[in-house]
Every structure is written in C-alpha cells, then in structure tokens.
Amino acid sequence: MCESNAYLLKDGQEELLLESVDKLIPDGDTITLENIFGQRKIVKARIKEMALVDHRIVLEQL
C-alpha cells in the first residue's frame, strides 16, 4: 500500500486531516486530497513536508 495520512499544521500542532490519501492535487493556494475510500477534502494550504516512506504528508494552513 502506498497511501499516506495527511496532517494539517495549525499553530504548531499537527491535526489528522485525512487518512489513506492516494491523490494530492495542488491548485494555486488550495490542495485537494482524495483517499482510497472516495473521501475528498479541499484545504487552503501549502505542502510543508512529504515523507512517503513514513506515509506522512504535512500541510501548513495558509
């Protein structure tokens, strides 16, 4: 499995945003995340870190 959990960094704290993300689509200042269960979230954020071996995506809220 190649999915990652996505976390949103707010005020220095990481909050789980979406589990089992398999698609990340940046578009200007928003990012669309989709997971293997068909859930979709759109957030106003930027990518802070992607550690795919650790299955982690960290986004920083704008």
Protein backbone atom coordinates (compact mmCIF):
# COMPACT_ATOMS: atom_id res chain seq x y z
CA MET A 1 0.00 0.00 0.00
CA CYS A 2 1.29 3.44 -0.92
CA GLU A 3 -1.24 5.65 0.84
CA SER A 4 -0.27 8.34 3.31
CA ASN A 5 -2.02 10.12 6.16
CA ALA A 6 -2.32 13.88 5.70
CA TYR A 7 -1.87 16.25 8.63
CA LEU A 8 -2.65 19.96 8.80
CA LEU A 9 -0.24 22.10 10.81
CA LYS A 10 -2.15 24.72 12.84
CA ASP A 11 -0.49 26.86 15.50
CA GLY A 12 2.45 24.43 15.67
CA GLN A 13 0.21 21.37 16.19
CA GLU A 14 -0.40 18.62 13.64
CA GLU A 15 -4.02 17.55 13.23
CA LEU A 16 -5.00 14.49 11.22
CA LEU A 17 -6.80 15.77 8.13
CA LEU A 18 -7.39 12.64 6.06
CA GLU A 19 -6.28 9.01 6.22
CA SER A 20 -5.19 6.79 3.33
CA VAL A 21 -4.58 9.63 0.87
CA ASP A 22 -3.67 8.38 -2.59
CA LYS A 23 -4.08 11.60 -4.59
CA LEU A 24 -2.90 15.14 -3.85
CA ILE A 25 -3.72 17.89 -6.36
CA PRO A 26 -2.24 21.38 -5.80
CA ASP A 27 -4.11 24.26 -7.46
CA GLY A 28 -2.90 27.75 -6.62
CA ASP A 29 -3.27 28.22 -2.87
CA THR A 30 -5.53 25.19 -2.38
CA ILE A 31 -4.80 21.48 -2.23
CA THR A 32 -7.32 18.76 -2.99
CA LEU A 33 -6.78 15.46 -1.19
CA GLU A 34 -8.53 12.24 -2.14
CA ASN A 35 -8.30 8.92 -0.35
CA ILE A 36 -8.91 5.30 -1.31
CA PHE A 37 -12.42 5.44 0.20
CA GLY A 38 -13.56 8.24 -2.14
CA GLN A 39 -13.42 10.97 0.51
CA ARG A 40 -12.22 14.36 -0.70
CA LYS A 41 -11.05 17.42 1.20
CA ILE A 42 -10.03 20.79 -0.18
CA VAL A 43 -7.84 22.96 2.04
CA LYS A 44 -6.16 26.33 1.70
CA ALA A 45 -2.61 25.23 2.49
CA ARG A 46 0.86 24.57 1.18
CA ILE A 47 2.92 21.41 1.34
CA LYS A 48 5.36 21.61 4.23
CA GLU A 49 6.73 18.05 4.14
CA MET A 50 6.14 14.77 2.37
CA ALA A 51 7.73 11.67 3.89
CA LEU A 52 6.36 8.95 1.66
CA VAL A 53 8.40 6.13 3.20
CA ASP A 54 6.79 7.08 6.53
CA HIS A 55 3.36 7.53 4.83
CA ARG A 56 3.05 11.15 6.04
CA ILE A 57 2.05 14.38 4.32
CA VAL A 58 2.20 17.58 6.35
CA LEU A 59 0.36 20.65 5.08
CA GLU A 60 0.65 24.15 6.51
CA GLN A 61 -2.55 26.16 6.67
CA LEU A 62 -2.47 29.50 4.83
